């Protein structure tokens, strides 16, 4: 018995018990997509035109395919092992049944072959016995052998008929039980359908009534909805304008405060850039109105490269203050543009609202130190470059032959 549901439904268990059959179910529920894919692959591989007509047939076929695939390797292994025994299909199937019911393959084959040997041996042994006696005493035993063989054949035929009748009686009982279960199920489903029809009828009546009431007020409601929508749009636009105005006022107040502090206390305002990215620079430029000669503070240098640094160069800032290490590519672009990069640890930065301030004297000193350091690095690099050229020239002269 195969099912696509986990755990197996009660009806499947009941049918399996009635048929004395084993149940296979997947370890989890099979989705509709998985079942469709399994059935489609099977129909293509078998070149079958008998496609399922509905979802129930599709699910049943998917369950059968899933079960066969589970046993496929084991069944093919059985066929390979018994290929030399010259067994018919029914005999091979009998061995497969033993394996499916839990018997190991080797043990199942041995058990079947032993059973088959025992089934054939009595008759053969008896014939050999009678043949031997016939040879020794033909007049005494000839008639007995013929009579015994005839009686044995009759008994075997009767026994086979009795076993067949017994199996058919069992099968009839099983079929009757299945039919009874199906009739009971059919009766329950019919009752359920009737209840569903009555429920549907009530819901349809209620729906018709509601639709009629709705149709009476639809024009009035449409007009109200249009006005409500207009009011919401105006309210949303008003809120946006209000938020923009508030943001601009805060920005203006901050800029004024920065200018006042710079003039009054001999301090330099520092405009903060939250992220060293193209978007972060554009956002800070729009908010702070960053211009040439300004000092900016990078909250984070992460993600900044040569293209990001080029945006800073285009603005023409006076200096950049960093809280962490900047990438080599970005540093190179800024140094080439002669824009100082100063660590925040070397300055006394004071945060005021959304911006910061530093002493002008301290900033100028650090800028001067940076310029001296960069100039020394450049001179050192040029010197190294010159020494490299001289060394290469000396090495070349050594390789050339000496001509007097």
Protein backbone atom coordinates (compact mmCIF):
# COMPACT_ATOMS: atom_id res chain seq x y z
CA UNK A 1 0.00 0.00 0.00
CA UNK A 2 1.43 3.36 -1.01
CA UNK A 3 0.39 6.79 0.25
CA UNK A 4 1.64 10.36 -0.30
CA UNK A 5 0.63 11.45 3.24
CA UNK A 6 2.62 11.25 6.45
CA UNK A 7 1.58 9.76 8.77
CA UNK A 8 -0.63 7.29 6.83
CA UNK A 9 -4.38 8.03 7.15
CA UNK A 10 -6.58 5.70 9.19
CA UNK A 11 -8.38 4.47 6.06
CA UNK A 12 -5.08 3.42 4.48
CA UNK A 13 -4.09 1.57 7.65
CA UNK A 14 -7.46 -0.15 7.71
CA UNK A 15 -7.19 -1.23 4.07
CA UNK A 16 -3.63 -2.46 4.61
CA UNK A 17 -4.77 -4.53 7.61
CA UNK A 18 -7.65 -5.97 5.61
CA UNK A 19 -5.37 -6.88 2.69
CA UNK A 20 -2.59 -8.05 5.05
CA UNK A 21 -0.31 -5.62 3.22
CA UNK A 22 2.68 -3.50 4.23
CA UNK A 23 2.38 0.35 4.12
CA UNK A 24 4.94 2.74 2.69
CA UNK A 25 4.62 6.48 3.32
CA UNK A 26 7.17 9.28 2.80
CA UNK A 27 9.06 10.74 5.73
CA UNK A 28 7.27 14.05 5.16
CA UNK A 29 4.29 15.39 3.20
CA UNK A 30 4.88 15.57 -0.56
CA UNK A 31 4.13 19.02 -1.97
CA UNK A 32 1.98 19.46 -5.05
CA UNK A 33 5.00 20.65 -7.08
CA UNK A 34 7.04 17.59 -6.12
CA UNK A 35 4.19 15.23 -7.06
CA UNK A 36 3.65 16.97 -10.39
CA UNK A 37 7.36 16.73 -11.21
CA UNK A 38 7.50 13.01 -10.29
CA UNK A 39 4.46 12.17 -12.45
CA UNK A 40 5.67 14.24 -15.40
CA UNK A 41 9.11 12.60 -15.32
CA UNK A 42 7.53 9.15 -15.14
CA UNK A 43 5.16 9.78 -18.06
CA UNK A 44 8.03 11.10 -20.18
CA UNK A 45 10.35 8.19 -19.38
CA UNK A 46 7.65 5.59 -20.03
CA UNK A 47 6.26 7.46 -23.10
CA UNK A 48 2.81 6.93 -21.62
CA UNK A 49 -0.34 8.64 -22.92
CA UNK A 50 -2.41 7.67 -19.86
CA UNK A 51 -2.06 10.95 -18.00
CA UNK A 52 -3.95 11.38 -14.68
CA UNK A 53 -7.40 12.88 -15.18
CA UNK A 54 -7.59 14.59 -11.79
CA UNK A 55 -5.61 15.44 -8.67
CA UNK A 56 -6.58 12.17 -6.91
CA UNK A 57 -5.20 10.03 -9.73
CA UNK A 58 -2.07 12.18 -9.87
CA UNK A 59 -1.47 11.83 -6.11
CA UNK A 60 -2.04 8.05 -6.25
CA UNK A 61 0.41 7.67 -9.12
CA UNK A 62 2.97 9.86 -7.33
CA UNK A 63 2.67 7.68 -4.21
CA UNK A 64 3.20 4.53 -6.29
CA UNK A 65 6.25 6.03 -8.03
CA UNK A 66 7.73 7.16 -4.69
CA UNK A 67 7.23 3.67 -3.21
CA UNK A 68 8.75 1.90 -6.23
CA UNK A 69 11.81 4.18 -6.18
CA UNK A 70 12.26 3.36 -2.48
CA UNK A 71 12.43 -0.40 -3.26
CA UNK A 72 13.86 -0.14 -6.81
CA UNK A 73 17.52 -0.87 -6.03
CA UNK A 74 16.61 -3.77 -3.76
CA UNK A 75 14.24 -5.31 -6.32
CA UNK A 76 16.81 -5.05 -9.13
CA UNK A 77 19.42 -6.58 -6.82
CA UNK A 78 17.09 -9.55 -6.26
CA UNK A 79 16.58 -9.98 -10.01
CA UNK A 80 20.34 -10.00 -10.59
CA UNK A 81 20.97 -12.57 -7.85
CA UNK A 82 18.29 -15.04 -9.05
CA UNK A 83 18.97 -14.62 -12.79
CA UNK A 84 20.93 -17.90 -12.88
CA UNK A 85 18.23 -19.94 -11.05
CA UNK A 86 15.80 -20.09 -14.03
CA UNK A 87 12.79 -18.94 -12.00
CA UNK A 88 9.57 -17.64 -13.53
CA UNK A 89 8.15 -14.20 -12.79
CA UNK A 90 5.74 -15.45 -10.10
CA UNK A 91 8.59 -17.17 -8.25
CA UNK A 92 10.78 -14.04 -8.42
CA UNK A 93 7.84 -11.97 -7.13
CA UNK A 94 7.45 -14.36 -4.21
CA UNK A 95 11.07 -13.71 -3.21
CA UNK A 96 10.51 -9.96 -3.59
CA UNK A 97 7.49 -10.18 -1.26
CA UNK A 98 9.64 -11.87 1.38
CA UNK A 99 12.26 -9.09 1.14
CA UNK A 100 9.67 -6.28 1.25
CA UNK A 101 8.21 -7.87 4.39
CA UNK A 102 11.58 -7.65 6.12
CA UNK A 103 13.50 -10.82 5.20
CA UNK A 104 17.13 -10.24 4.10
CA UNK A 105 17.72 -10.93 0.39
CA UNK A 106 20.08 -13.90 0.80
CA UNK A 107 17.90 -15.48 3.45
CA UNK A 108 14.75 -14.95 1.33
CA UNK A 109 16.36 -16.64 -1.70
CA UNK A 110 17.64 -19.56 0.40
CA UNK A 111 14.25 -19.98 2.06
CA UNK A 112 12.40 -20.01 -1.27
CA UNK A 113 14.84 -22.42 -2.93
CA UNK A 114 14.65 -24.76 0.08
CA UNK A 115 10.87 -24.65 -0.01
CA UNK A 116 10.87 -25.34 -3.74
CA UNK A 117 13.31 -28.24 -3.30
CA UNK A 118 11.21 -29.79 -0.52
CA UNK A 119 8.10 -29.40 -2.60
CA UNK A 120 9.60 -31.40 -5.46
CA UNK A 121 11.68 -33.94 -3.48
CA UNK A 122 8.97 -36.29 -2.01
CA UNK A 123 7.48 -37.13 -5.39
CA UNK A 124 10.90 -37.64 -6.94
CA UNK A 125 12.09 -39.73 -3.98
CA UNK A 126 9.00 -41.83 -4.08
CA UNK A 127 9.35 -42.47 -7.80
CA UNK A 128 12.99 -43.44 -7.36
CA UNK A 129 11.98 -45.81 -4.58
CA UNK A 130 9.33 -47.46 -6.67
CA UNK A 131 11.58 -47.65 -9.71
CA UNK A 132 14.19 -49.39 -7.58
CA UNK A 133 11.62 -51.87 -6.30
CA UNK A 134 10.33 -52.40 -9.79
CA UNK A 135 13.75 -53.29 -11.03
CA UNK A 136 14.24 -55.71 -8.13
CA UNK A 137 10.76 -57.27 -8.23
CA UNK A 138 8.72 -56.10 -11.24
CA UNK A 139 5.82 -58.57 -10.88
CA UNK A 140 5.15 -57.74 -7.22
CA UNK A 141 5.43 -53.95 -7.20
CA UNK A 142 4.43 -52.69 -10.68
CA UNK A 143 0.74 -52.36 -9.95
CA UNK A 144 1.39 -50.79 -6.51
CA UNK A 145 3.62 -48.11 -7.98
CA UNK A 146 1.02 -47.17 -10.63
CA UNK A 147 -1.80 -47.06 -8.06
CA UNK A 148 0.28 -45.04 -5.60
CA UNK A 149 1.28 -42.51 -8.24
CA UNK A 150 -2.33 -42.13 -9.31
CA UNK A 151 -3.49 -41.64 -5.70
CA UNK A 152 -0.65 -39.21 -4.96
CA UNK A 153 -1.46 -37.14 -8.04
CA UNK A 154 -5.13 -37.01 -7.09
CA UNK A 155 -4.30 -35.98 -3.51
CA UNK A 156 -1.95 -33.24 -4.73
CA UNK A 157 -4.60 -31.94 -7.11
CA UNK A 158 -7.23 -31.93 -4.35
CA UNK A 159 -4.82 -30.19 -1.96
CA UNK A 160 -4.02 -27.54 -4.55
CA UNK A 161 -7.74 -26.99 -5.20
CA UNK A 162 -8.44 -26.70 -1.47
CA UNK A 163 -5.63 -24.18 -1.04
CA UNK A 164 -6.87 -22.23 -4.04
CA UNK A 165 -10.44 -22.24 -2.71
CA UNK A 166 -9.16 -21.10 0.69
CA UNK A 167 -7.19 -18.25 -0.86
CA UNK A 168 -10.16 -17.21 -2.96
CA UNK A 169 -12.47 -17.32 0.07
CA UNK A 170 -10.00 -15.11 1.96
CA UNK A 171 -9.78 -12.79 -1.02
CA UNK A 172 -13.60 -12.63 -1.25
CA UNK A 173 -13.81 -11.73 2.44
CA UNK A 174 -11.20 -9.05 1.98
CA UNK A 175 -13.03 -7.67 -1.05
CA UNK A 176 -16.32 -7.68 0.83
CA UNK A 177 -14.70 -5.80 3.70
CA UNK A 178 -13.24 -3.26 1.27
CA UNK A 179 -16.61 -2.85 -0.44
CA UNK A 180 -18.33 -2.34 2.92
CA UNK A 181 -15.75 0.25 3.93
CA UNK A 182 -16.14 2.03 0.61
CA UNK A 183 -19.93 2.04 0.93
CA UNK A 184 -19.69 3.46 4.44
CA UNK A 185 -17.25 6.06 3.20
CA UNK A 186 -19.51 6.86 0.25
CA UNK A 187 -22.47 7.31 2.59
CA UNK A 188 -20.50 9.67 4.81
CA UNK A 189 -19.36 11.66 1.80
CA UNK A 190 -22.92 11.93 0.47
CA UNK A 191 -24.10 13.26 3.84
CA UNK A 192 -21.22 15.69 3.88
CA UNK A 193 -22.08 16.85 0.34
CA UNK A 194 -25.70 17.44 1.34
CA UNK A 195 -24.65 19.48 4.36
CA UNK A 196 -22.23 21.44 2.21
CA UNK A 197 -24.96 22.15 -0.36
CA UNK A 198 -27.30 23.46 2.35
CA UNK A 199 -24.52 25.59 3.78
CA UNK A 200 -23.64 26.90 0.33
CA UNK A 201 -27.28 27.74 -0.34
CA UNK A 202 -27.53 29.74 2.88
CA UNK A 203 -24.31 31.56 2.14
CA UNK A 204 -25.48 32.34 -1.40
CA UNK A 205 -28.74 33.81 -0.06
CA UNK A 206 -26.82 35.91 2.42
CA UNK A 207 -24.42 37.02 -0.30
CA UNK A 208 -27.30 38.03 -2.59
CA UNK A 209 -28.82 40.07 0.19
CA UNK A 210 -25.55 41.81 0.97
CA UNK A 211 -24.94 42.50 -2.70
CA UNK A 212 -28.38 44.07 -3.03
CA UNK A 213 -27.78 46.30 -0.03
CA UNK A 214 -24.37 47.25 -1.36
CA UNK A 215 -25.75 48.10 -4.81
CA UNK A 216 -28.25 50.52 -3.22
CA UNK A 217 -25.49 52.53 -1.53
CA UNK A 218 -22.69 52.09 -4.04
CA UNK A 219 -22.99 55.56 -5.63
CA UNK A 220 -23.15 57.28 -2.26
CA UNK A 221 -20.18 55.28 -0.96
CA UNK A 222 -18.18 55.99 -4.12
CA UNK A 223 -18.58 59.73 -3.66
CA UNK A 224 -17.59 59.51 0.00
CA UNK A 225 -14.57 57.36 -0.86
CA UNK A 226 -13.43 59.89 -3.45
CA UNK A 227 -13.59 62.72 -0.92
CA UNK A 228 -11.82 60.69 1.75
CA UNK A 229 -9.05 59.83 -0.72
CA UNK A 230 -8.65 63.51 -1.62
CA UNK A 231 -8.45 64.49 2.07
CA UNK A 232 -5.84 61.77 2.73
CA UNK A 233 -3.71 62.94 -0.19
CA UNK A 234 -3.86 66.54 1.02
CA UNK A 235 -3.05 65.45 4.57
CA UNK A 236 -0.09 63.37 3.38
CA UNK A 237 1.25 66.24 1.27
CA UNK A 238 0.85 68.63 4.22
CA UNK A 239 2.77 66.26 6.52
CA UNK A 240 5.58 65.94 3.97
CA UNK A 241 5.88 69.71 3.59
CA UNK A 242 5.79 70.11 7.36
CA UNK A 243 8.55 67.52 7.87
CA UNK A 244 10.67 69.11 5.13
CA UNK A 245 10.25 72.56 6.66
CA UNK A 246 11.24 71.25 10.09
CA UNK A 247 14.31 69.54 8.67
CA UNK A 248 15.37 72.68 6.80
CA UNK A 249 14.91 74.82 9.94
CA UNK A 250 17.05 72.41 11.97
CA UNK A 251 19.70 72.38 9.26
CA UNK A 252 19.71 76.18 9.10
CA UNK A 253 19.99 76.49 12.88
CA UNK A 254 22.86 74.00 12.93
CA UNK A 255 24.74 75.86 10.19
CA UNK A 256 24.24 79.15 12.01
CA UNK A 257 25.50 77.63 15.22
CA UNK A 258 28.56 76.26 13.39
CA UNK A 259 29.40 79.67 11.92
CA UNK A 260 28.92 81.47 15.26
CA UNK A 261 31.12 79.03 17.14
CA UNK A 262 33.83 79.23 14.54
CA UNK A 263 33.99 83.01 14.71
CA UNK A 264 33.50 83.41 18.47
CA UNK A 265 35.84 80.77 19.87
CA UNK A 266 38.53 80.48 17.17
CA UNK A 267 37.29 76.96 16.46
CA UNK A 268 36.76 75.15 13.22
CA UNK A 269 33.41 73.46 12.59
CA UNK A 270 33.64 69.86 11.40
CA UNK A 271 30.91 68.45 9.18
CA UNK A 272 30.23 64.76 9.79
CA UNK A 273 29.95 62.19 6.98
CA UNK A 274 28.43 59.00 8.43
CA UNK A 275 29.66 56.55 5.77
CA UNK A 276 32.49 56.74 3.25
CA UNK A 277 30.28 55.76 0.32
CA UNK A 278 28.90 57.62 -2.68
CA UNK A 279 25.44 57.75 -1.11
CA UNK A 280 26.84 58.82 2.27
CA UNK A 281 28.86 61.67 0.70
CA UNK A 282 25.90 62.91 -1.38
CA UNK A 283 23.58 62.80 1.64
CA UNK A 284 26.06 64.73 3.83
CA UNK A 285 26.73 67.26 1.06
CA UNK A 286 23.01 67.98 0.67
CA UNK A 287 22.46 68.25 4.41
CA UNK A 288 25.58 70.23 5.43
CA UNK A 289 26.13 72.04 2.13
CA UNK A 290 29.75 70.89 2.14
CA UNK A 291 31.93 73.23 0.07
CA UNK A 292 35.53 73.93 -0.77
CA UNK A 293 37.70 74.56 2.29
CA UNK A 294 35.48 72.65 4.75
CA UNK A 295 36.77 70.06 7.20
CA UNK A 296 34.89 66.74 7.31
CA UNK A 297 34.89 63.85 9.77
CA UNK A 298 34.37 60.29 8.50
CA UNK A 299 32.48 58.26 11.10
CA UNK A 300 33.56 55.13 9.21
CA UNK A 301 36.09 54.71 6.39
CA UNK A 302 34.87 51.22 5.55
CA UNK A 303 33.84 50.65 1.92
CA UNK A 304 35.65 53.70 0.55
CA UNK A 305 37.77 53.28 -2.58
CA UNK A 306 39.39 55.38 -5.27
CA UNK A 307 36.05 56.46 -6.84
CA UNK A 308 34.63 57.51 -3.47
CA UNK A 309 37.78 59.47 -2.68
CA UNK A 310 37.49 61.23 -6.07
CA UNK A 311 34.13 62.71 -4.95
CA UNK A 312 35.90 64.28 -1.94
CA UNK A 313 38.60 65.62 -4.23
CA UNK A 314 35.99 67.22 -6.50
CA UNK A 315 34.47 69.08 -3.53
CA UNK A 316 37.91 70.40 -2.55
CA UNK A 317 37.76 69.99 1.24
CA UNK A 318 40.55 71.35 3.42
CA UNK A 319 41.16 68.16 5.43
CA UNK A 320 39.65 64.78 6.32
CA UNK A 321 39.52 63.43 9.87
CA UNK A 322 39.19 59.63 10.23
CA UNK A 323 38.36 57.37 13.18
CA UNK A 324 39.75 54.21 11.54
CA UNK A 325 42.12 53.08 8.77
CA UNK A 326 41.36 54.11 5.20
CA UNK A 327 41.93 51.85 2.20
CA UNK A 328 45.21 52.16 0.31
CA UNK A 329 43.43 53.14 -2.93
CA UNK A 330 41.48 55.98 -1.30
CA UNK A 331 44.56 57.21 0.60
CA UNK A 332 46.59 57.36 -2.61
CA UNK A 333 43.94 59.44 -4.44
CA UNK A 334 43.68 61.95 -1.55
CA UNK A 335 47.45 62.28 -1.15
CA UNK A 336 47.83 62.88 -4.88
CA UNK A 337 45.27 65.71 -4.51
CA UNK A 338 47.23 67.03 -1.47
CA UNK A 339 44.24 66.62 0.90
CA UNK A 340 45.47 65.88 4.46
CA UNK A 341 44.19 62.74 6.24
CA UNK A 342 44.36 63.21 10.01
CA UNK A 343 43.55 60.63 12.70
CA UNK A 344 40.86 61.69 15.17
CA UNK A 345 43.08 60.45 18.02
CA UNK A 346 45.48 63.39 17.36
CA UNK A 347 42.75 66.03 17.79
CA UNK A 348 40.47 67.14 20.60
CA UNK A 349 37.07 66.81 18.95
CA UNK A 350 34.03 68.17 20.72
CA UNK A 351 30.58 67.08 19.58
CA UNK A 352 27.91 69.77 19.46
CA UNK A 353 24.44 68.57 18.42
CA UNK A 354 24.90 66.96 15.01
CA UNK A 355 28.35 68.42 14.21
CA UNK A 356 31.75 68.74 15.89
CA UNK A 357 34.37 71.42 16.47
CA UNK A 358 38.16 71.44 16.86
CA UNK A 359 40.67 74.13 17.66
CA UNK A 360 41.95 75.90 14.56
CA UNK A 361 45.51 76.01 15.85
CA UNK A 362 45.61 72.26 16.53
CA UNK A 363 44.15 71.50 13.13
CA UNK A 364 46.66 73.70 11.30
CA UNK A 365 49.55 72.10 13.20
CA UNK A 366 48.39 68.59 12.25
CA UNK A 367 47.91 69.64 8.63
CA UNK A 368 51.45 71.01 8.56
CA UNK A 369 52.81 67.78 10.09
CA UNK A 370 50.93 65.75 7.50
CA UNK A 371 52.35 67.81 4.65
CA UNK A 372 55.91 67.46 6.01
CA UNK A 373 55.46 63.69 6.43
CA UNK A 374 54.02 63.26 2.93
CA UNK A 375 56.84 65.36 1.45
CA UNK A 376 59.44 63.22 3.26
CA UNK A 377 57.76 60.05 1.99
CA UNK A 378 57.78 61.43 -1.56
CA UNK A 379 61.44 62.42 -1.36
CA UNK A 380 62.31 59.01 0.04
CA UNK A 381 60.40 57.32 -2.79
CA UNK A 382 62.15 59.50 -5.40
CA UNK A 383 65.53 58.71 -3.82
CA UNK A 384 64.77 54.98 -3.85
CA UNK A 385 63.72 55.28 -7.47
CA UNK A 386 66.98 57.05 -8.36
CA UNK A 387 69.08 54.47 -6.50
CA UNK A 388 67.23 51.70 -8.33
CA UNK A 389 68.08 53.30 -11.70
CA UNK A 390 71.76 53.60 -10.69
CA UNK A 391 71.85 49.95 -9.51
CA UNK A 392 70.28 48.78 -12.76
CA UNK A 393 72.86 50.79 -14.74
CA UNK A 394 75.74 49.27 -12.74
CA UNK A 395 74.38 45.76 -13.24
CA UNK A 396 74.07 46.39 -16.98
CA UNK A 397 77.68 47.65 -17.19
CA UNK A 398 78.92 44.53 -15.43
CA UNK A 399 77.16 42.30 -17.95
CA UNK A 400 78.64 44.13 -20.99
CA UNK A 401 82.12 42.93 -22.24
CA UNK A 402 85.08 45.26 -21.62
CA UNK A 403 86.63 46.72 -24.82
CA UNK A 404 90.06 48.46 -24.63
